Amino acid sequence: MTITGLLVTVITLYEGLIILRVIASWFAAPDSTHPAIDLLKRLTEPLLEPARRALPATGGVDLSPLVVLIGLELLKRVLT
């Protein structure tokens, strides 16, 4: 496997983690202390938080996962 292929695989896995976090947010309380949700937050927050700060307020809807997913897809397309 090439380094590019490895990077694309890691990006794809990270996209999956972001999608899992979004789905979990629909069912879990925002202050949930469940270990799996805490792990998802710790893994995804390094990219989601800067995107969240850069986006304008949208009335309680967090669009940062969408922006990050689009950015990661663009990065994968540049790599391949």
PDB file of N, CA and C in Angstrom:
ATOM      1  N   MET A   1       0.852  -1.179   0.000  1.00  0.00           N
ATOM      2  CA  MET A   1       0.000   0.000   0.000  1.00  0.00           C
ATOM      3  C   MET A   1       0.896   1.241   0.000  1.00  0.00           C
ATOM      4  N   THR A   2       0.542   2.186  -0.816  1.00  0.00           N
ATOM      5  CA  THR A   2       1.312   3.425  -0.890  1.00  0.00           C
ATOM      6  C   THR A   2       0.917   4.359   0.255  1.00  0.00           C
ATOM      7  N   ILE A   3       1.723   5.368   0.451  1.00  0.00           N
ATOM      8  CA  ILE A   3       1.412   6.363   1.486  1.00  0.00           C
ATOM      9  C   ILE A   3       0.119   7.083   1.139  1.00  0.00           C
ATOM     10  N   THR A   4      -0.083   7.362  -0.146  1.00  0.00           N
ATOM     11  CA  THR A   4      -1.326   8.013  -0.562  1.00  0.00           C
ATOM     12  C   THR A   4      -2.528   7.139  -0.245  1.00  0.00           C
ATOM     13  N   GLY A   5      -2.414   5.844  -0.532  1.00  0.00           N
ATOM     14  CA  GLY A   5      -3.505   4.920  -0.226  1.00  0.00           C
ATOM     15  C   GLY A   5      -3.778   4.841   1.262  1.00  0.00           C
ATOM     16  N   LEU A   6      -2.718   4.864   2.061  1.00  0.00           N
ATOM     17  CA  LEU A   6      -2.875   4.840   3.509  1.00  0.00           C
ATOM     18  C   LEU A   6      -3.570   6.112   4.001  1.00  0.00           C
ATOM     19  N   LEU A   7      -3.171   7.264   3.470  1.00  0.00           N
ATOM     20  CA  LEU A   7      -3.809   8.527   3.844  1.00  0.00           C
ATOM     21  C   LEU A   7      -5.288   8.539   3.487  1.00  0.00           C
ATOM     22  N   VAL A   8      -5.617   8.039   2.304  1.00  0.00           N
ATOM     23  CA  VAL A   8      -7.020   7.989   1.882  1.00  0.00           C
ATOM     24  C   VAL A   8      -7.810   7.074   2.817  1.00  0.00           C
ATOM     25  N   THR A   9      -7.212   5.957   3.226  1.00  0.00           N
ATOM     26  CA  THR A   9      -7.888   5.040   4.148  1.00  0.00           C
ATOM     27  C   THR A   9      -8.117   5.697   5.504  1.00  0.00           C
ATOM     28  N   VAL A  10      -7.117   6.400   6.017  1.00  0.00           N
ATOM     29  CA  VAL A  10      -7.257   7.084   7.308  1.00  0.00           C
ATOM     30  C   VAL A  10      -8.330   8.168   7.221  1.00  0.00           C
ATOM     31  N   ILE A  11      -8.335   8.926   6.133  1.00  0.00           N
ATOM     32  CA  ILE A  11      -9.349   9.967   5.958  1.00  0.00           C
ATOM     33  C   ILE A  11     -10.743   9.351   5.908  1.00  0.00           C
ATOM     34  N   THR A  12     -10.883   8.238   5.201  1.00  0.00           N
ATOM     35  CA  THR A  12     -12.180   7.559   5.111  1.00  0.00           C
ATOM     36  C   THR A  12     -12.638   7.085   6.485  1.00  0.00           C
ATOM     37  N   LEU A  13     -11.730   6.529   7.272  1.00  0.00           N
ATOM     38  CA  LEU A  13     -12.087   6.095   8.628  1.00  0.00           C
ATOM     39  C   LEU A  13     -12.496   7.282   9.498  1.00  0.00           C
ATOM     40  N   TYR A  14     -11.789   8.395   9.354  1.00  0.00           N
ATOM     41  CA  TYR A  14     -12.119   9.596  10.123  1.00  0.00           C
ATOM     42  C   TYR A  14     -13.500  10.125   9.729  1.00  0.00           C
ATOM     43  N   GLU A  15     -13.814  10.054   8.431  1.00  0.00           N
ATOM     44  CA  GLU A  15     -15.150  10.458   7.980  1.00  0.00           C
ATOM     45  C   GLU A  15     -16.214   9.584   8.645  1.00  0.00           C
ATOM     46  N   GLY A  16     -15.927   8.302   8.771  1.00  0.00           N
ATOM     47  CA  GLY A  16     -16.855   7.390   9.443  1.00  0.00           C
ATOM     48  C   GLY A  16     -17.059   7.771  10.899  1.00  0.00           C
ATOM     49  N   LEU A  17     -15.976   8.164  11.568  1.00  0.00           N
ATOM     50  CA  LEU A  17     -16.093   8.587  12.962  1.00  0.00           C
ATOM     51  C   LEU A  17     -16.966   9.833  13.088  1.00  0.00           C
ATOM     52  N   ILE A  18     -16.813  10.759  12.161  1.00  0.00           N
ATOM     53  CA  ILE A  18     -17.634  11.973  12.201  1.00  0.00           C
ATOM     54  C   ILE A  18     -19.107  11.616  11.987  1.00  0.00           C
ATOM     55  N   ILE A  19     -19.376  10.727  11.042  1.00  0.00           N
ATOM     56  CA  ILE A  19     -20.759  10.315  10.791  1.00  0.00           C
ATOM     57  C   ILE A  19     -21.332   9.605  12.016  1.00  0.00           C
ATOM     58  N   LEU A  20     -20.536   8.747  12.660  1.00  0.00           N
ATOM     59  CA  LEU A  20     -20.997   8.089  13.888  1.00  0.00           C
ATOM     60  C   LEU A  20     -21.300   9.108  14.984  1.00  0.00           C
ATOM     61  N   ARG A  21     -20.476  10.126  15.086  1.00  0.00           N
ATOM     62  CA  ARG A  21     -20.724  11.155  16.100  1.00  0.00           C
ATOM     63  C   ARG A  21     -22.020  11.908  15.826  1.00  0.00           C
ATOM     64  N   VAL A  22     -22.279  12.208  14.558  1.00  0.00           N
ATOM     65  CA  VAL A  22     -23.519  12.900  14.208  1.00  0.00           C
ATOM     66  C   VAL A  22     -24.714  12.023  14.564  1.00  0.00           C
ATOM     67  N   ILE A  23     -24.662  10.762  14.209  1.00  0.00           N
ATOM     68  CA  ILE A  23     -25.771   9.849  14.519  1.00  0.00           C
ATOM     69  C   ILE A  23     -25.940   9.703  16.029  1.00  0.00           C
ATOM     70  N   ALA A  24     -24.833   9.588  16.754  1.00  0.00           N
ATOM     71  CA  ALA A  24     -24.910   9.464  18.209  1.00  0.00           C
ATOM     72  C   ALA A  24     -25.518  10.713  18.836  1.00  0.00           C
ATOM     73  N   SER A  25     -25.266  11.866  18.242  1.00  0.00           N
ATOM     74  CA  SER A  25     -25.810  13.106  18.799  1.00  0.00           C
ATOM     75  C   SER A  25     -27.334  13.160  18.697  1.00  0.00           C
ATOM     76  N   TRP A  26     -27.895  12.387  17.795  1.00  0.00           N
ATOM     77  CA  TRP A  26     -29.354  12.344  17.673  1.00  0.00           C
ATOM     78  C   TRP A  26     -29.987  11.577  18.820  1.00  0.00           C
ATOM     79  N   PHE A  27     -29.246  10.643  19.427  1.00  0.00           N
ATOM     80  CA  PHE A  27     -29.811   9.747  20.429  1.00  0.00           C
ATOM     81  C   PHE A  27     -29.283   9.980  21.837  1.00  0.00           C
ATOM     82  N   ALA A  28     -28.065  10.471  21.973  1.00  0.00           N
ATOM     83  CA  ALA A  28     -27.463  10.639  23.294  1.00  0.00           C
ATOM     84  C   ALA A  28     -27.633  12.081  23.770  1.00  0.00           C
ATOM     85  N   ALA A  29     -27.683  12.223  25.071  1.00  0.00           N
ATOM     86  CA  ALA A  29     -27.766  13.562  25.658  1.00  0.00           C
ATOM     87  C   ALA A  29     -26.456  14.300  25.393  1.00  0.00           C
ATOM     88  N   PRO A  30     -26.513  15.620  25.204  1.00  0.00           N
ATOM     89  CA  PRO A  30     -25.291  16.380  24.919  1.00  0.00           C
ATOM     90  C   PRO A  30     -24.215  16.245  25.998  1.00  0.00           C
ATOM     91  N   ASP A  31     -24.637  16.030  27.243  1.00  0.00           N
ATOM     92  CA  ASP A  31     -23.668  15.903  28.342  1.00  0.00           C
ATOM     93  C   ASP A  31     -23.428  14.444  28.716  1.00  0.00           C
ATOM     94  N   SER A  32     -23.643  13.540  27.766  1.00  0.00           N
ATOM     95  CA  SER A  32     -23.471  12.115  28.009  1.00  0.00           C
ATOM     96  C   SER A  32     -22.035  11.805  28.409  1.00  0.00           C
ATOM     97  N   THR A  33     -21.894  10.908  29.375  1.00  0.00           N
ATOM     98  CA  THR A  33     -20.560  10.498  29.820  1.00  0.00           C
ATOM     99  C   THR A  33     -20.255   9.069  29.388  1.00  0.00           C
ATOM    100  N   HIS A  34     -21.007   8.551  28.441  1.00  0.00           N
ATOM    101  CA  HIS A  34     -20.754   7.201  27.960  1.00  0.00           C
ATOM    102  C   HIS A  34     -19.357   7.147  27.340  1.00  0.00           C
ATOM    103  N   PRO A  35     -18.572   6.123  27.651  1.00  0.00           N
ATOM    104  CA  PRO A  35     -17.198   6.060  27.152  1.00  0.00           C
ATOM    105  C   PRO A  35     -17.080   6.092  25.627  1.00  0.00           C
ATOM    106  N   ALA A  36     -17.989   5.453  24.921  1.00  0.00           N
ATOM    107  CA  ALA A  36     -17.920   5.431  23.451  1.00  0.00           C
ATOM    108  C   ALA A  36     -18.170   6.824  22.884  1.00  0.00           C
ATOM    109  N   ILE A  37     -19.119   7.544  23.446  1.00  0.00           N
ATOM    110  CA  ILE A  37     -19.420   8.892  22.970  1.00  0.00           C
ATOM    111  C   ILE A  37     -18.281   9.840  23.335  1.00  0.00           C
ATOM    112  N   ASP A  38     -17.716   9.649  24.514  1.00  0.00           N
ATOM    113  CA  ASP A  38     -16.569  10.462  24.911  1.00  0.00           C
ATOM    114  C   ASP A  38     -15.390  10.226  23.963  1.00  0.00           C
ATOM    115  N   LEU A  39     -15.158   8.987  23.565  1.00  0.00           N
ATOM    116  CA  LEU A  39     -14.083   8.673  22.623  1.00  0.00           C
ATOM    117  C   LEU A  39     -14.342   9.338  21.269  1.00  0.00           C
ATOM    118  N   LEU A  40     -15.576   9.256  20.774  1.00  0.00           N
ATOM    119  CA  LEU A  40     -15.919   9.907  19.510  1.00  0.00           C
ATOM    120  C   LEU A  40     -15.664  11.410  19.581  1.00  0.00           C
ATOM    121  N   LYS A  41     -16.040  12.015  20.692  1.00  0.00           N
ATOM    122  CA  LYS A  41     -15.831  13.458  20.854  1.00  0.00           C
ATOM    123  C   LYS A  41     -14.351  13.791  20.852  1.00  0.00           C
ATOM    124  N   ARG A  42     -13.549  13.012  21.593  1.00  0.00           N
ATOM    125  CA  ARG A  42     -12.117  13.297  21.665  1.00  0.00           C
ATOM    126  C   ARG A  42     -11.419  13.094  20.326  1.00  0.00           C
ATOM    127  N   LEU A  43     -11.885  12.147  19.529  1.00  0.00           N
ATOM    128  CA  LEU A  43     -11.256  11.886  18.236  1.00  0.00           C
ATOM    129  C   LEU A  43     -11.664  12.898  17.161  1.00  0.00           C
ATOM    130  N   THR A  44     -12.893  13.375  17.215  1.00  0.00           N
ATOM    131  CA  THR A  44     -13.388  14.239  16.136  1.00  0.00           C
ATOM    132  C   THR A  44     -13.302  15.725  16.445  1.00  0.00           C
ATOM    133  N   GLU A  45     -13.230  16.084  17.700  1.00  0.00           N
ATOM    134  CA  GLU A  45     -13.250  17.499  18.080  1.00  0.00           C
ATOM    135  C   GLU A  45     -12.071  18.309  17.527  1.00  0.00           C
ATOM    136  N   PRO A  46     -10.879  17.730  17.352  1.00  0.00           N
ATOM    137  CA  PRO A  46      -9.778  18.541  16.811  1.00  0.00           C
ATOM    138  C   PRO A  46     -10.059  19.153  15.428  1.00  0.00           C
ATOM    139  N   LEU A  47     -10.889  18.536  14.613  1.00  0.00           N
ATOM    140  CA  LEU A  47     -11.258  19.138  13.331  1.00  0.00           C
ATOM    141  C   LEU A  47     -12.589  19.874  13.395  1.00  0.00           C
ATOM    142  N   LEU A  48     -13.502  19.396  14.222  1.00  0.00           N
ATOM    143  CA  LEU A  48     -14.830  20.010  14.264  1.00  0.00           C
ATOM    144  C   LEU A  48     -14.821  21.375  14.967  1.00  0.00           C
ATOM    145  N   GLU A  49     -14.048  21.502  16.024  1.00  0.00           N
ATOM    146  CA  GLU A  49     -14.054  22.767  16.783  1.00  0.00           C
ATOM    147  C   GLU A  49     -13.583  23.963  15.961  1.00  0.00           C
ATOM    148  N   PRO A  50     -12.466  23.875  15.226  1.00  0.00           N
ATOM    149  CA  PRO A  50     -12.071  25.032  14.403  1.00  0.00           C
ATOM    150  C   PRO A  50     -13.120  25.370  13.336  1.00  0.00           C
ATOM    151  N   ALA A  51     -13.737  24.333  12.753  1.00  0.00           N
ATOM    152  CA  ALA A  51     -14.777  24.585  11.755  1.00  0.00           C
ATOM    153  C   ALA A  51     -15.984  25.254  12.406  1.00  0.00           C
ATOM    154  N   ARG A  52     -16.326  24.826  13.602  1.00  0.00           N
ATOM    155  CA  ARG A  52     -17.460  25.401  14.328  1.00  0.00           C
ATOM    156  C   ARG A  52     -17.217  26.878  14.634  1.00  0.00           C
ATOM    157  N   ARG A  53     -15.987  27.206  15.027  1.00  0.00           N
ATOM    158  CA  ARG A  53     -15.658  28.611  15.329  1.00  0.00           C
ATOM    159  C   ARG A  53     -15.676  29.472  14.077  1.00  0.00           C
ATOM    160  N   ALA A  54     -15.307  28.904  12.927  1.00  0.00           N
ATOM    161  CA  ALA A  54     -15.222  29.676  11.689  1.00  0.00           C
ATOM    162  C   ALA A  54     -16.592  29.923  11.058  1.00  0.00           C
ATOM    163  N   LEU A  55     -17.558  29.080  11.377  1.00  0.00           N
ATOM    164  CA  LEU A  55     -18.887  29.207  10.778  1.00  0.00           C
ATOM    165  C   LEU A  55     -19.739  30.213  11.538  1.00  0.00           C
ATOM    166  N   PRO A  56     -20.609  30.936  10.832  1.00  0.00           N
ATOM    167  CA  PRO A  56     -21.526  31.845  11.531  1.00  0.00           C
ATOM    168  C   PRO A  56     -22.594  31.052  12.292  1.00  0.00           C
ATOM    169  N   ALA A  57     -23.184  31.661  13.280  1.00  0.00           N
ATOM    170  CA  ALA A  57     -24.247  31.018  14.058  1.00  0.00           C
ATOM    171  C   ALA A  57     -25.428  30.704  13.143  1.00  0.00           C
ATOM    172  N   THR A  58     -25.979  29.511  13.297  1.00  0.00           N
ATOM    173  CA  THR A  58     -27.078  29.075  12.429  1.00  0.00           C
ATOM    174  C   THR A  58     -28.313  28.677  13.226  1.00  0.00           C
ATOM    175  N   GLY A  59     -28.518  29.288  14.355  1.00  0.00           N
ATOM    176  CA  GLY A  59     -29.728  29.021  15.114  1.00  0.00           C
ATOM    177  C   GLY A  59     -29.772  27.651  15.768  1.00  0.00           C
ATOM    178  N   GLY A  60     -28.655  27.187  16.296  1.00  0.00           N
ATOM    179  CA  GLY A  60     -28.633  25.914  17.003  1.00  0.00           C
ATOM    180  C   GLY A  60     -28.306  24.710  16.150  1.00  0.00           C
ATOM    181  N   VAL A  61     -28.142  24.884  14.862  1.00  0.00           N
ATOM    182  CA  VAL A  61     -27.786  23.767  13.984  1.00  0.00           C
ATOM    183  C   VAL A  61     -26.278  23.805  13.761  1.00  0.00           C
ATOM    184  N   ASP A  62     -25.616  22.689  14.085  1.00  0.00           N
ATOM    185  CA  ASP A  62     -24.162  22.615  13.937  1.00  0.00           C
ATOM    186  C   ASP A  62     -23.824  22.062  12.553  1.00  0.00           C
ATOM    187  N   LEU A  63     -23.300  22.926  11.706  1.00  0.00           N
ATOM    188  CA  LEU A  63     -22.946  22.521  10.348  1.00  0.00           C
ATOM    189  C   LEU A  63     -21.481  22.127  10.212  1.00  0.00           C
ATOM    190  N   SER A  64     -20.731  22.162  11.308  1.00  0.00           N
ATOM    191  CA  SER A  64     -19.305  21.851  11.228  1.00  0.00           C
ATOM    192  C   SER A  64     -19.028  20.435  10.723  1.00  0.00           C
ATOM    193  N   PRO A  65     -19.803  19.403  11.097  1.00  0.00           N
ATOM    194  CA  PRO A  65     -19.523  18.076  10.523  1.00  0.00           C
ATOM    195  C   PRO A  65     -19.657  18.065   8.997  1.00  0.00           C
ATOM    196  N   LEU A  66     -20.646  18.762   8.483  1.00  0.00           N
ATOM    197  CA  LEU A  66     -20.839  18.812   7.033  1.00  0.00           C
ATOM    198  C   LEU A  66     -19.653  19.492   6.356  1.00  0.00           C
ATOM    199  N   VAL A  67     -19.206  20.604   6.913  1.00  0.00           N
ATOM    200  CA  VAL A  67     -18.079  21.340   6.339  1.00  0.00           C
ATOM    201  C   VAL A  67     -16.809  20.485   6.384  1.00  0.00           C
ATOM    202  N   VAL A  68     -16.569  19.822   7.503  1.00  0.00           N
ATOM    203  CA  VAL A  68     -15.371  18.991   7.634  1.00  0.00           C
ATOM    204  C   VAL A  68     -15.450  17.798   6.680  1.00  0.00           C
ATOM    205  N   LEU A  69     -16.609  17.168   6.565  1.00  0.00           N
ATOM    206  CA  LEU A  69     -16.748  16.036   5.642  1.00  0.00           C
ATOM    207  C   LEU A  69     -16.496  16.464   4.196  1.00  0.00           C
ATOM    208  N   ILE A  70     -16.998  17.610   3.815  1.00  0.00           N
ATOM    209  CA  ILE A  70     -16.750  18.112   2.453  1.00  0.00           C
ATOM    210  C   ILE A  70     -15.256  18.377   2.262  1.00  0.00           C
ATOM    211  N   GLY A  71     -14.623  18.984   3.257  1.00  0.00           N
ATOM    212  CA  GLY A  71     -13.189  19.247   3.176  1.00  0.00           C
ATOM    213  C   GLY A  71     -12.369  17.974   3.069  1.00  0.00           C
ATOM    214  N   LEU A  72     -12.748  16.956   3.841  1.00  0.00           N
ATOM    215  CA  LEU A  72     -12.023  15.687   3.778  1.00  0.00           C
ATOM    216  C   LEU A  72     -12.217  15.001   2.424  1.00  0.00           C
ATOM    217  N   GLU A  73     -13.422  15.081   1.888  1.00  0.00           N
ATOM    218  CA  GLU A  73     -13.663  14.500   0.552  1.00  0.00           C
ATOM    219  C   GLU A  73     -12.831  15.204  -0.506  1.00  0.00           C
ATOM    220  N   LEU A  74     -12.755  16.527  -0.420  1.00  0.00           N
ATOM    221  CA  LEU A  74     -11.930  17.285  -1.367  1.00  0.00           C
ATOM    222  C   LEU A  74     -10.456  16.885  -1.239  1.00  0.00           C
ATOM    223  N   LEU A  75      -9.998  16.722   0.001  1.00  0.00           N
ATOM    224  CA  LEU A  75      -8.622  16.296   0.230  1.00  0.00           C
ATOM    225  C   LEU A  75      -8.356  14.913  -0.376  1.00  0.00           C
ATOM    226  N   LYS A  76      -9.303  14.002  -0.210  1.00  0.00           N
ATOM    227  CA  LYS A  76      -9.143  12.670  -0.819  1.00  0.00           C
ATOM    228  C   LYS A  76      -9.067  12.748  -2.332  1.00  0.00           C
ATOM    229  N   ARG A  77      -9.866  13.604  -2.921  1.00  0.00           N
ATOM    230  CA  ARG A  77      -9.849  13.752  -4.389  1.00  0.00           C
ATOM    231  C   ARG A  77      -8.525  14.341  -4.876  1.00  0.00           C
ATOM    232  N   VAL A  78      -7.948  15.241  -4.096  1.00  0.00           N
ATOM    233  CA  VAL A  78      -6.646  15.808  -4.454  1.00  0.00           C
ATOM    234  C   VAL A  78      -5.560  14.731  -4.348  1.00  0.00           C
ATOM    235  N   LEU A  79      -5.677  13.875  -3.360  1.00  0.00           N
ATOM    236  CA  LEU A  79      -4.666  12.832  -3.152  1.00  0.00           C
ATOM    237  C   LEU A  79      -4.713  11.727  -4.206  1.00  0.00           C
ATOM    238  N   THR A  80      -5.890  11.498  -4.784  1.00  0.00           N
ATOM    239  CA  THR A  80      -6.006  10.388  -5.747  1.00  0.00           C
ATOM    240  C   THR A  80      -5.979  10.876  -7.172  1.00  0.00           C
TER     241      THR A  80
END
